[in-house]
Amino acid sequence: MFPDGFEARRIDTDGAEIHCVHGGVGPPLLLLHGYPQNHVMWHRVAPLLSGQFHLVCPDLRGYGDSSKPDGGCDHAAYSKRAMAWDMVELMASLGHQHFAVAGHDRGARVTHRMMLDHPARISRGCVMDIAPTLHMFETTDQAFATGYYHWFFLIQPDGLPERMIGADPEYYLQQKLSRWSAPGARFDPAAVDDYLRCFRHPDTIHASCEDYRAAAGIDLEHDREDRGRRLAQPLLVLWGKHGFVHRTYDVAGVWRRYASDVDAVALDAGHFLPEEAPAAVASEMSRFFSAPCGDQAPPGGP
């Protein structure tokens, strides 16, 4: 589902084996997927950017065809810090010590942590359709708990969510795609088939729950240790006008508390920006990631 010339690789990191595809010409740009998907979610964006960037599209640990290590008693193996280090090692293995990164959903949370932990390596970043994890947990109300019910469902212990999702993983995945997308959104059937191929595996279901358990535990510890630290690198914040995050938070305003240089743009989409609005996503990313260091191109949206 990617342009000719893209290559599939499997690369060992300290804690996982990461599957990725990469290709294109230009400076390196790492693209991180969200839940409950895998790297295939970038299939509509990659052809639009591969002539401008060398794109690296991995499966995060626990997702897709990457390995699913044991989370440990504190779920630390699925901390965003561990996932971010996977990506740093992956990029170094491909010859990129310095790079830009864009992430959607869970991948955006890995992006945020990577920019905090490795500022000398990350030149610019983009987060799509999220507010910071710490802010969301510390401002939880009924609207958030209802819209993001899965945050509280997936962290339950003793295999409860694993058993319930495992009873009908196709229904659960399709429900996620339809509930969070804008009315009329169309996903490529081949992409959905690949999401389901990976997601129906019990190890993937369990690993993705571990990702959320880490977010409600050790990730918050890391975020509280960094409370008050603002990202120094330029940050592009994209969100869907028809998405839940936009209805619940002042997305741009919240991110300006967490980053010093924020470029904020709302797009005509629901949650799954790269698949619902690929041309707009590619246009904003092209503008932002091509801007000279220290310069900021004018945003392309409100």
C-alpha atoms as a PDB file:
ATOM      1  CA  MET A   1       0.000   0.000   0.000  1.00  0.00           C
ATOM      2  CA  PHE A   2       3.079   2.236  -0.171  1.00  0.00           C
ATOM      3  CA  PRO A   3       4.815   3.750  -3.205  1.00  0.00           C
ATOM      4  CA  ASP A   4       7.327   1.816  -5.268  1.00  0.00           C
ATOM      5  CA  GLY A   5      10.750   1.876  -3.696  1.00  0.00           C
ATOM      6  CA  PHE A   6       9.574   1.529  -0.096  1.00  0.00           C
ATOM      7  CA  GLU A   7      11.374  -1.254   1.729  1.00  0.00           C
ATOM      8  CA  ALA A   8      10.200  -3.386   4.643  1.00  0.00           C
ATOM      9  CA  ARG A   9      12.691  -3.908   7.467  1.00  0.00           C
ATOM     10  CA  ARG A  10      12.747  -5.554  10.891  1.00  0.00           C
ATOM     11  CA  ILE A  11      15.207  -3.927  13.291  1.00  0.00           C
ATOM     12  CA  ASP A  12      16.240  -5.005  16.787  1.00  0.00           C
ATOM     13  CA  THR A  13      16.192  -2.421  19.572  1.00  0.00           C
ATOM     14  CA  ASP A  14      17.143  -2.847  23.222  1.00  0.00           C
ATOM     15  CA  GLY A  15      13.666  -4.037  24.141  1.00  0.00           C
ATOM     16  CA  ALA A  16      11.804  -5.028  20.994  1.00  0.00           C
ATOM     17  CA  GLU A  17      11.944  -5.978  17.334  1.00  0.00           C
ATOM     18  CA  ILE A  18      10.432  -3.182  15.289  1.00  0.00           C
ATOM     19  CA  HIS A  19       8.850  -3.724  11.901  1.00  0.00           C
ATOM     20  CA  CYS A  20       8.845  -0.743   9.557  1.00  0.00           C
ATOM     21  CA  VAL A  21       8.618   0.348   5.961  1.00  0.00           C
ATOM     22  CA  HIS A  22      10.715   3.229   4.699  1.00  0.00           C
ATOM     23  CA  GLY A  23      11.351   5.069   1.469  1.00  0.00           C
ATOM     24  CA  GLY A  24      11.339   8.400  -0.284  1.00  0.00           C
ATOM     25  CA  VAL A  25      13.935  11.074  -0.891  1.00  0.00           C
ATOM     26  CA  GLY A  26      14.934  13.934   1.389  1.00  0.00           C
ATOM     27  CA  PRO A  27      15.447  14.613   5.083  1.00  0.00           C
ATOM     28  CA  PRO A  28      14.204  11.896   7.467  1.00  0.00           C
ATOM     29  CA  LEU A  29      10.660  12.076   8.805  1.00  0.00           C
ATOM     30  CA  LEU A  30       9.408   9.434  11.255  1.00  0.00           C
ATOM     31  CA  LEU A  31       5.641   8.735  11.140  1.00  0.00           C
ATOM     32  CA  LEU A  32       4.010   7.042  14.154  1.00  0.00           C
ATOM     33  CA  HIS A  33       0.570   5.437  14.078  1.00  0.00           C
ATOM     34  CA  GLY A  34      -2.191   5.327  16.670  1.00  0.00           C
ATOM     35  CA  TYR A  35      -4.609   2.821  18.227  1.00  0.00           C
ATOM     36  CA  PRO A  36      -5.882   0.342  17.106  1.00  0.00           C
ATOM     37  CA  GLN A  37      -3.950   0.610  13.852  1.00  0.00           C
ATOM     38  CA  ASN A  38      -0.406   0.092  12.575  1.00  0.00           C
ATOM     39  CA  HIS A  39       1.980   1.738  10.105  1.00  0.00           C
ATOM     40  CA  VAL A  40      -0.456   1.154   7.220  1.00  0.00           C
ATOM     41  CA  MET A  41      -2.482   4.160   8.408  1.00  0.00           C
ATOM     42  CA  TRP A  42       0.019   6.380   6.555  1.00  0.00           C
ATOM     43  CA  HIS A  43      -0.714   4.775   3.160  1.00  0.00           C
ATOM     44  CA  ARG A  44      -2.597   7.822   1.849  1.00  0.00           C
ATOM     45  CA  VAL A  45      -0.061  10.369   3.128  1.00  0.00           C
ATOM     46  CA  ALA A  46       3.158   8.602   2.121  1.00  0.00           C
ATOM     47  CA  PRO A  47       2.720   9.033  -1.667  1.00  0.00           C
ATOM     48  CA  LEU A  48       2.201  12.771  -1.153  1.00  0.00           C
ATOM     49  CA  LEU A  49       5.382  13.253   0.898  1.00  0.00           C
ATOM     50  CA  SER A  50       7.808  10.637  -0.422  1.00  0.00           C
ATOM     51  CA  GLY A  51       9.250  13.019  -3.005  1.00  0.00           C
ATOM     52  CA  GLN A  52      10.139  15.476  -0.260  1.00  0.00           C
ATOM     53  CA  PHE A  53      11.148  13.328   2.736  1.00  0.00           C
ATOM     54  CA  HIS A  54      12.661   9.968   3.541  1.00  0.00           C
ATOM     55  CA  LEU A  55       9.682   8.520   5.381  1.00  0.00           C
ATOM     56  CA  VAL A  56      10.024   5.877   8.091  1.00  0.00           C
ATOM     57  CA  CYS A  57       6.737   4.229   9.099  1.00  0.00           C
ATOM     58  CA  PRO A  58       7.138   1.681  11.927  1.00  0.00           C
ATOM     59  CA  ASP A  59       4.764  -0.407  13.984  1.00  0.00           C
ATOM     60  CA  LEU A  60       5.125   0.640  17.617  1.00  0.00           C
ATOM     61  CA  ARG A  61       6.110  -2.154  19.990  1.00  0.00           C
ATOM     62  CA  GLY A  62       3.005  -4.156  20.795  1.00  0.00           C
ATOM     63  CA  TYR A  63       1.302  -3.263  17.512  1.00  0.00           C
ATOM     64  CA  GLY A  64       1.270  -4.525  13.951  1.00  0.00           C
ATOM     65  CA  ASP A  65       4.138  -6.860  13.136  1.00  0.00           C
ATOM     66  CA  SER A  66       6.499  -5.532  15.803  1.00  0.00           C
ATOM     67  CA  SER A  67       7.233  -7.725  18.805  1.00  0.00           C
ATOM     68  CA  LYS A  68       5.080  -7.768  21.930  1.00  0.00           C
ATOM     69  CA  PRO A  69       7.414  -7.866  24.952  1.00  0.00           C
ATOM     70  CA  ASP A  70       6.123  -8.583  28.445  1.00  0.00           C
ATOM     71  CA  GLY A  71       4.969  -5.367  30.060  1.00  0.00           C
ATOM     72  CA  GLY A  72       6.252  -6.140  33.539  1.00  0.00           C
ATOM     73  CA  CYS A  73       4.469  -5.593  36.828  1.00  0.00           C
ATOM     74  CA  ASP A  74       4.463  -1.813  36.335  1.00  0.00           C
ATOM     75  CA  HIS A  75       3.824  -2.014  32.553  1.00  0.00           C
ATOM     76  CA  ALA A  76       7.080  -0.079  32.038  1.00  0.00           C
ATOM     77  CA  ALA A  77       7.892  -1.942  28.828  1.00  0.00           C
ATOM     78  CA  TYR A  78       4.993  -0.016  27.272  1.00  0.00           C
ATOM     79  CA  SER A  79       5.856   3.368  28.696  1.00  0.00           C
ATOM     80  CA  LYS A  80       6.082   6.115  26.119  1.00  0.00           C
ATOM     81  CA  ARG A  81       9.708   6.478  27.204  1.00  0.00           C
ATOM     82  CA  ALA A  82      10.449   2.878  26.176  1.00  0.00           C
ATOM     83  CA  MET A  83       8.527   3.283  22.921  1.00  0.00           C
ATOM     84  CA  ALA A  84      10.361   6.535  22.181  1.00  0.00           C
ATOM     85  CA  TRP A  85      13.740   4.877  22.722  1.00  0.00           C
ATOM     86  CA  ASP A  86      12.731   2.150  20.246  1.00  0.00           C
ATOM     87  CA  MET A  87      12.220   4.849  17.662  1.00  0.00           C
ATOM     88  CA  VAL A  88      15.526   6.587  18.387  1.00  0.00           C
ATOM     89  CA  GLU A  89      17.332   3.266  17.962  1.00  0.00           C
ATOM     90  CA  LEU A  90      15.345   2.453  14.826  1.00  0.00           C
ATOM     91  CA  MET A  91      16.251   5.758  13.195  1.00  0.00           C
ATOM     92  CA  ALA A  92      19.910   5.402  14.158  1.00  0.00           C
ATOM     93  CA  SER A  93      19.950   1.934  12.577  1.00  0.00           C
ATOM     94  CA  LEU A  94      18.694   3.523   9.358  1.00  0.00           C
ATOM     95  CA  GLY A  95      21.461   6.132   9.523  1.00  0.00           C
ATOM     96  CA  HIS A  96      19.458   9.010  11.018  1.00  0.00           C
ATOM     97  CA  GLN A  97      20.877  10.504  14.221  1.00  0.00           C
ATOM     98  CA  HIS A  98      18.767  13.638  13.793  1.00  0.00           C
ATOM     99  CA  PHE A  99      15.244  13.676  12.379  1.00  0.00           C
ATOM    100  CA  ALA A 100      11.721  15.096  12.510  1.00  0.00           C
ATOM    101  CA  VAL A 101       8.736  13.143  13.802  1.00  0.00           C
ATOM    102  CA  ALA A 102       4.960  13.189  13.446  1.00  0.00           C
ATOM    103  CA  GLY A 103       2.559  11.042  15.432  1.00  0.00           C
ATOM    104  CA  HIS A 104      -1.154  10.370  15.526  1.00  0.00           C
ATOM    105  CA  ASP A 105      -3.053   9.294  18.658  1.00  0.00           C
ATOM    106  CA  ARG A 106      -0.771   6.907  20.644  1.00  0.00           C
ATOM    107  CA  GLY A 107       2.046   7.754  18.268  1.00  0.00           C
ATOM    108  CA  ALA A 108       1.566  11.409  19.152  1.00  0.00           C
ATOM    109  CA  ARG A 109       2.076  10.572  22.826  1.00  0.00           C
ATOM    110  CA  VAL A 110       5.294   8.784  21.914  1.00  0.00           C
ATOM    111  CA  THR A 111       6.245  11.862  19.884  1.00  0.00           C
ATOM    112  CA  HIS A 112       5.703  14.150  22.875  1.00  0.00           C
ATOM    113  CA  ARG A 113       7.859  11.969  25.134  1.00  0.00           C
ATOM    114  CA  MET A 114      10.563  11.590  22.477  1.00  0.00           C
ATOM    115  CA  MET A 115      10.807  15.359  22.044  1.00  0.00           C
ATOM    116  CA  LEU A 116      11.205  15.740  25.820  1.00  0.00           C
ATOM    117  CA  ASP A 117      13.725  12.945  26.280  1.00  0.00           C
ATOM    118  CA  HIS A 118      15.811  13.466  23.131  1.00  0.00           C
ATOM    119  CA  PRO A 119      15.729  17.163  22.225  1.00  0.00           C
ATOM    120  CA  ALA A 120      19.147  17.054  20.530  1.00  0.00           C
ATOM    121  CA  ARG A 121      17.889  14.422  18.073  1.00  0.00           C
ATOM    122  CA  ILE A 122      14.448  15.795  17.203  1.00  0.00           C
ATOM    123  CA  SER A 123      14.377  18.951  15.071  1.00  0.00           C
ATOM    124  CA  ARG A 124      10.602  19.396  14.851  1.00  0.00           C
ATOM    125  CA  GLY A 125       7.507  17.459  15.825  1.00  0.00           C
ATOM    126  CA  CYS A 126       3.845  17.119  14.979  1.00  0.00           C
ATOM    127  CA  VAL A 127       1.083  15.723  17.183  1.00  0.00           C
ATOM    128  CA  MET A 128      -2.327  14.854  15.751  1.00  0.00           C
ATOM    129  CA  ASP A 129      -5.674  14.982  17.523  1.00  0.00           C
ATOM    130  CA  ILE A 130      -4.561  14.681  21.126  1.00  0.00           C
ATOM    131  CA  ALA A 131      -4.129  16.806  24.213  1.00  0.00           C
ATOM    132  CA  PRO A 132      -1.239  15.938  26.555  1.00  0.00           C
ATOM    133  CA  THR A 133      -1.814  12.791  28.616  1.00  0.00           C
ATOM    134  CA  LEU A 134      -1.195  14.456  31.971  1.00  0.00           C
ATOM    135  CA  HIS A 135      -3.624  17.270  31.201  1.00  0.00           C
ATOM    136  CA  MET A 136      -6.338  14.863  30.139  1.00  0.00           C
ATOM    137  CA  PHE A 137      -6.097  12.699  33.257  1.00  0.00           C
ATOM    138  CA  GLU A 138      -5.899  15.685  35.597  1.00  0.00           C
ATOM    139  CA  THR A 139      -8.960  17.357  34.057  1.00  0.00           C
ATOM    140  CA  THR A 140     -11.119  14.234  33.725  1.00  0.00           C
ATOM    141  CA  ASP A 141     -14.847  14.894  33.883  1.00  0.00           C
ATOM    142  CA  GLN A 142     -17.955  13.030  32.816  1.00  0.00           C
ATOM    143  CA  ALA A 143     -17.684  14.150  29.184  1.00  0.00           C
ATOM    144  CA  PHE A 144     -14.096  12.950  28.939  1.00  0.00           C
ATOM    145  CA  ALA A 145     -14.812   9.658  30.726  1.00  0.00           C
ATOM    146  CA  THR A 146     -17.743   9.015  28.379  1.00  0.00           C
ATOM    147  CA  GLY A 147     -15.977   9.919  25.150  1.00  0.00           C
ATOM    148  CA  TYR A 148     -12.712   8.254  26.142  1.00  0.00           C
ATOM    149  CA  TYR A 149     -14.265   5.318  27.978  1.00  0.00           C
ATOM    150  CA  HIS A 150     -11.617   3.009  26.488  1.00  0.00           C
ATOM    151  CA  TRP A 151      -8.885   4.771  28.522  1.00  0.00           C
ATOM    152  CA  PHE A 152     -10.548   3.414  31.655  1.00  0.00           C
ATOM    153  CA  PHE A 153     -11.709   0.109  30.167  1.00  0.00           C
ATOM    154  CA  LEU A 154      -8.343  -0.965  28.741  1.00  0.00           C
ATOM    155  CA  ILE A 155      -6.471  -0.393  32.016  1.00  0.00           C
ATOM    156  CA  GLN A 156      -8.607  -2.864  33.972  1.00  0.00           C
ATOM    157  CA  PRO A 157      -6.587  -5.763  35.450  1.00  0.00           C
ATOM    158  CA  ASP A 158      -6.855  -9.542  35.330  1.00  0.00           C
ATOM    159  CA  GLY A 159      -7.333  -9.825  31.581  1.00  0.00           C
ATOM    160  CA  LEU A 160     -10.846  -8.341  31.623  1.00  0.00           C
ATOM    161  CA  PRO A 161     -10.519  -6.103  28.522  1.00  0.00           C
ATOM    162  CA  GLU A 162      -8.464  -8.740  26.725  1.00  0.00           C
ATOM    163  CA  ARG A 163     -11.223 -11.322  27.134  1.00  0.00           C
ATOM    164  CA  MET A 164     -14.000  -8.930  26.147  1.00  0.00           C
ATOM    165  CA  ILE A 165     -12.228  -7.564  23.067  1.00  0.00           C
ATOM    166  CA  GLY A 166     -11.008 -11.039  22.124  1.00  0.00           C
ATOM    167  CA  ALA A 167     -14.584 -12.284  21.948  1.00  0.00           C
ATOM    168  CA  ASP A 168     -15.149 -10.142  18.816  1.00  0.00           C
ATOM    169  CA  PRO A 169     -12.066  -8.128  17.817  1.00  0.00           C
ATOM    170  CA  GLU A 170     -13.484  -7.232  14.401  1.00  0.00           C
ATOM    171  CA  TYR A 171     -16.561  -5.601  15.937  1.00  0.00           C
ATOM    172  CA  TYR A 172     -14.397  -3.716  18.443  1.00  0.00           C
ATOM    173  CA  LEU A 173     -11.999  -2.407  15.793  1.00  0.00           C
ATOM    174  CA  GLN A 174     -14.752  -1.409  13.383  1.00  0.00           C
ATOM    175  CA  GLN A 175     -16.590   0.328  16.210  1.00  0.00           C
ATOM    176  CA  LYS A 176     -13.473   2.355  17.011  1.00  0.00           C
ATOM    177  CA  LEU A 177     -13.010   3.426  13.404  1.00  0.00           C
ATOM    178  CA  SER A 178     -16.639   4.435  12.920  1.00  0.00           C
ATOM    179  CA  ARG A 179     -17.144   6.087  16.321  1.00  0.00           C
ATOM    180  CA  TRP A 180     -14.127   8.373  15.995  1.00  0.00           C
ATOM    181  CA  SER A 181     -14.310   9.314  12.311  1.00  0.00           C
ATOM    182  CA  ALA A 182     -16.397  12.045  10.744  1.00  0.00           C
ATOM    183  CA  PRO A 183     -19.713  11.084   9.104  1.00  0.00           C
ATOM    184  CA  GLY A 184     -19.079   9.750   5.623  1.00  0.00           C
ATOM    185  CA  ALA A 185     -15.411   8.906   6.222  1.00  0.00           C
ATOM    186  CA  ARG A 186     -14.151   6.032   4.089  1.00  0.00           C
ATOM    187  CA  PHE A 187     -11.303   3.736   5.101  1.00  0.00           C
ATOM    188  CA  ASP A 188      -9.484   1.652   2.521  1.00  0.00           C
ATOM    189  CA  PRO A 189     -10.747  -1.935   2.916  1.00  0.00           C
ATOM    190  CA  ALA A 190      -7.230  -3.292   2.428  1.00  0.00           C
ATOM    191  CA  ALA A 191      -5.982  -1.100   5.268  1.00  0.00           C
ATOM    192  CA  VAL A 192      -8.797  -2.225   7.562  1.00  0.00           C
ATOM    193  CA  ASP A 193      -8.063  -5.839   6.677  1.00  0.00           C
ATOM    194  CA  ASP A 194      -4.453  -5.336   7.734  1.00  0.00           C
ATOM    195  CA  TYR A 195      -5.456  -3.651  10.993  1.00  0.00           C
ATOM    196  CA  LEU A 196      -7.709  -6.606  11.739  1.00  0.00           C
ATOM    197  CA  ARG A 197      -5.061  -9.158  10.717  1.00  0.00           C
ATOM    198  CA  CYS A 198      -2.807  -7.765  13.423  1.00  0.00           C
ATOM    199  CA  PHE A 199      -5.356  -6.671  16.003  1.00  0.00           C
ATOM    200  CA  ARG A 200      -7.247  -9.957  16.248  1.00  0.00           C
ATOM    201  CA  HIS A 201      -4.120 -11.654  17.637  1.00  0.00           C
ATOM    202  CA  PRO A 202      -4.405 -12.076  21.441  1.00  0.00           C
ATOM    203  CA  ASP A 203      -0.844 -10.821  21.946  1.00  0.00           C
ATOM    204  CA  THR A 204      -1.688  -7.560  20.171  1.00  0.00           C
ATOM    205  CA  ILE A 205      -4.862  -7.080  22.184  1.00  0.00           C
ATOM    206  CA  HIS A 206      -2.923  -7.623  25.409  1.00  0.00           C
ATOM    207  CA  ALA A 207       0.003  -5.404  24.374  1.00  0.00           C
ATOM    208  CA  SER A 208      -2.302  -2.554  23.416  1.00  0.00           C
ATOM    209  CA  CYS A 209      -3.965  -2.795  26.836  1.00  0.00           C
ATOM    210  CA  GLU A 210      -0.488  -2.643  28.380  1.00  0.00           C
ATOM    211  CA  ASP A 211       0.105   0.574  26.420  1.00  0.00           C
ATOM    212  CA  TYR A 212      -2.920   2.147  28.119  1.00  0.00           C
ATOM    213  CA  ARG A 213      -2.031   0.712  31.517  1.00  0.00           C
ATOM    214  CA  ALA A 214       1.381   2.344  31.209  1.00  0.00           C
ATOM    215  CA  ALA A 215      -0.298   5.632  30.264  1.00  0.00           C
ATOM    216  CA  ALA A 216      -2.340   5.565  33.464  1.00  0.00           C
ATOM    217  CA  GLY A 217       0.681   4.735  35.617  1.00  0.00           C
ATOM    218  CA  ILE A 218       4.346   5.073  34.798  1.00  0.00           C
ATOM    219  CA  ASP A 219       3.746   7.580  31.996  1.00  0.00           C
ATOM    220  CA  LEU A 220       2.060   9.902  34.485  1.00  0.00           C
ATOM    221  CA  GLU A 221       5.048   9.544  36.797  1.00  0.00           C
ATOM    222  CA  HIS A 222       7.345  10.621  33.974  1.00  0.00           C
ATOM    223  CA  ASP A 223       5.030  13.464  32.991  1.00  0.00           C
ATOM    224  CA  ARG A 224       4.816  14.767  36.544  1.00  0.00           C
ATOM    225  CA  GLU A 225       8.594  14.694  36.837  1.00  0.00           C
ATOM    226  CA  ASP A 226       8.663  16.919  33.754  1.00  0.00           C
ATOM    227  CA  ARG A 227       5.815  19.185  34.860  1.00  0.00           C
ATOM    228  CA  GLY A 228       6.576  22.720  33.719  1.00  0.00           C
ATOM    229  CA  ARG A 229       9.087  21.646  31.051  1.00  0.00           C
ATOM    230  CA  ARG A 230       8.061  22.982  27.677  1.00  0.00           C
ATOM    231  CA  LEU A 231       9.187  21.565  24.376  1.00  0.00           C
ATOM    232  CA  ALA A 232      11.850  23.776  22.852  1.00  0.00           C
ATOM    233  CA  GLN A 233      11.458  22.470  19.302  1.00  0.00           C
ATOM    234  CA  PRO A 234       8.773  23.822  16.952  1.00  0.00           C
ATOM    235  CA  LEU A 235       5.567  21.804  17.316  1.00  0.00           C
ATOM    236  CA  LEU A 236       2.765  21.439  14.780  1.00  0.00           C
ATOM    237  CA  VAL A 237      -0.568  20.572  16.395  1.00  0.00           C
ATOM    238  CA  LEU A 238      -3.286  19.213  14.100  1.00  0.00           C
ATOM    239  CA  TRP A 239      -6.778  18.153  15.093  1.00  0.00           C
ATOM    240  CA  GLY A 240     -10.084  17.273  13.490  1.00  0.00           C
ATOM    241  CA  LYS A 241     -12.901  19.829  13.573  1.00  0.00           C
ATOM    242  CA  HIS A 242     -15.360  16.953  13.952  1.00  0.00           C
ATOM    243  CA  GLY A 243     -13.399  15.110  16.622  1.00  0.00           C
ATOM    244  CA  PHE A 244     -13.915  14.710  20.361  1.00  0.00           C
ATOM    245  CA  VAL A 245     -10.663  16.433  21.391  1.00  0.00           C
ATOM    246  CA  HIS A 246     -11.724  19.619  19.611  1.00  0.00           C
ATOM    247  CA  ARG A 247     -15.109  19.605  21.360  1.00  0.00           C
ATOM    248  CA  THR A 248     -13.600  19.057  24.793  1.00  0.00           C
ATOM    249  CA  TYR A 249     -10.376  21.087  24.896  1.00  0.00           C
ATOM    250  CA  ASP A 250      -8.872  24.308  23.657  1.00  0.00           C
ATOM    251  CA  VAL A 251      -6.342  22.153  21.834  1.00  0.00           C
ATOM    252  CA  ALA A 252      -4.007  24.959  20.767  1.00  0.00           C
ATOM    253  CA  GLY A 253      -4.242  26.690  24.153  1.00  0.00           C
ATOM    254  CA  VAL A 254      -3.434  23.527  26.088  1.00  0.00           C
ATOM    255  CA  TRP A 255      -0.432  22.685  23.930  1.00  0.00           C
ATOM    256  CA  ARG A 256       0.963  26.192  24.357  1.00  0.00           C
ATOM    257  CA  ARG A 257       1.374  25.343  28.040  1.00  0.00           C
ATOM    258  CA  TYR A 258       3.536  22.354  27.040  1.00  0.00           C
ATOM    259  CA  ALA A 259       5.552  23.798  24.138  1.00  0.00           C
ATOM    260  CA  SER A 260       7.214  27.132  23.435  1.00  0.00           C
ATOM    261  CA  ASP A 261       6.649  27.281  19.663  1.00  0.00           C
ATOM    262  CA  VAL A 262       3.239  25.961  18.599  1.00  0.00           C
ATOM    263  CA  ASP A 263       1.710  26.060  15.123  1.00  0.00           C
ATOM    264  CA  ALA A 264      -1.925  24.979  15.479  1.00  0.00           C
ATOM    265  CA  VAL A 265      -4.258  23.997  12.625  1.00  0.00           C
ATOM    266  CA  ALA A 266      -7.739  22.450  12.649  1.00  0.00           C
ATOM    267  CA  LEU A 267      -8.616  20.206   9.694  1.00  0.00           C
ATOM    268  CA  ASP A 268     -11.957  19.182   8.230  1.00  0.00           C
ATOM    269  CA  ALA A 269     -11.940  15.627   9.607  1.00  0.00           C
ATOM    270  CA  GLY A 270     -12.702  13.451  12.574  1.00  0.00           C
ATOM    271  CA  HIS A 271     -10.024  11.701  14.601  1.00  0.00           C
ATOM    272  CA  PHE A 272      -8.240   9.726  11.868  1.00  0.00           C
ATOM    273  CA  LEU A 273      -6.624  12.677  10.097  1.00  0.00           C
ATOM    274  CA  PRO A 274      -4.128  10.815   7.880  1.00  0.00           C
ATOM    275  CA  GLU A 275      -6.907   8.695   6.383  1.00  0.00           C
ATOM    276  CA  GLU A 276      -9.775  11.181   6.444  1.00  0.00           C
ATOM    277  CA  ALA A 277      -7.852  14.233   5.211  1.00  0.00           C
ATOM    278  CA  PRO A 278      -4.568  12.997   3.711  1.00  0.00           C
ATOM    279  CA  ALA A 279      -4.076  15.921   1.327  1.00  0.00           C
ATOM    280  CA  ALA A 280      -4.539  18.477   4.096  1.00  0.00           C
ATOM    281  CA  VAL A 281      -2.266  16.531   6.461  1.00  0.00           C
ATOM    282  CA  ALA A 282       0.431  16.231   3.805  1.00  0.00           C
ATOM    283  CA  SER A 283       0.143  19.928   2.935  1.00  0.00           C
ATOM    284  CA  GLU A 284       0.515  21.073   6.540  1.00  0.00           C
ATOM    285  CA  MET A 285       3.372  18.655   7.190  1.00  0.00           C
ATOM    286  CA  SER A 286       5.155  19.709   3.998  1.00  0.00           C
ATOM    287  CA  ARG A 287       4.876  23.365   4.962  1.00  0.00           C
ATOM    288  CA  PHE A 288       5.933  22.856   8.550  1.00  0.00           C
ATOM    289  CA  PHE A 289       8.743  20.348   8.160  1.00  0.00           C
ATOM    290  CA  SER A 290      10.226  22.215   5.177  1.00  0.00           C
ATOM    291  CA  ALA A 291      10.446  25.565   6.967  1.00  0.00           C
ATOM    292  CA  PRO A 292      14.066  26.669   7.545  1.00  0.00           C
ATOM    293  CA  CYS A 293      15.372  26.296  11.080  1.00  0.00           C
ATOM    294  CA  GLY A 294      14.177  29.229  13.143  1.00  0.00           C
ATOM    295  CA  ASP A 295      11.547  30.145  10.551  1.00  0.00           C
ATOM    296  CA  GLN A 296       7.848  29.434  10.618  1.00  0.00           C
ATOM    297  CA  ALA A 297       5.666  29.337   7.532  1.00  0.00           C
ATOM    298  CA  PRO A 298       2.169  30.786   7.946  1.00  0.00           C
ATOM    299  CA  PRO A 299      -0.370  28.148   9.012  1.00  0.00           C
ATOM    300  CA  GLY A 300      -2.717  26.835   6.405  1.00  0.00           C
ATOM    301  CA  GLY A 301      -5.841  26.759   8.574  1.00  0.00           C
ATOM    302  CA  PRO A 302      -7.599  28.329  11.547  1.00  0.00           C
END
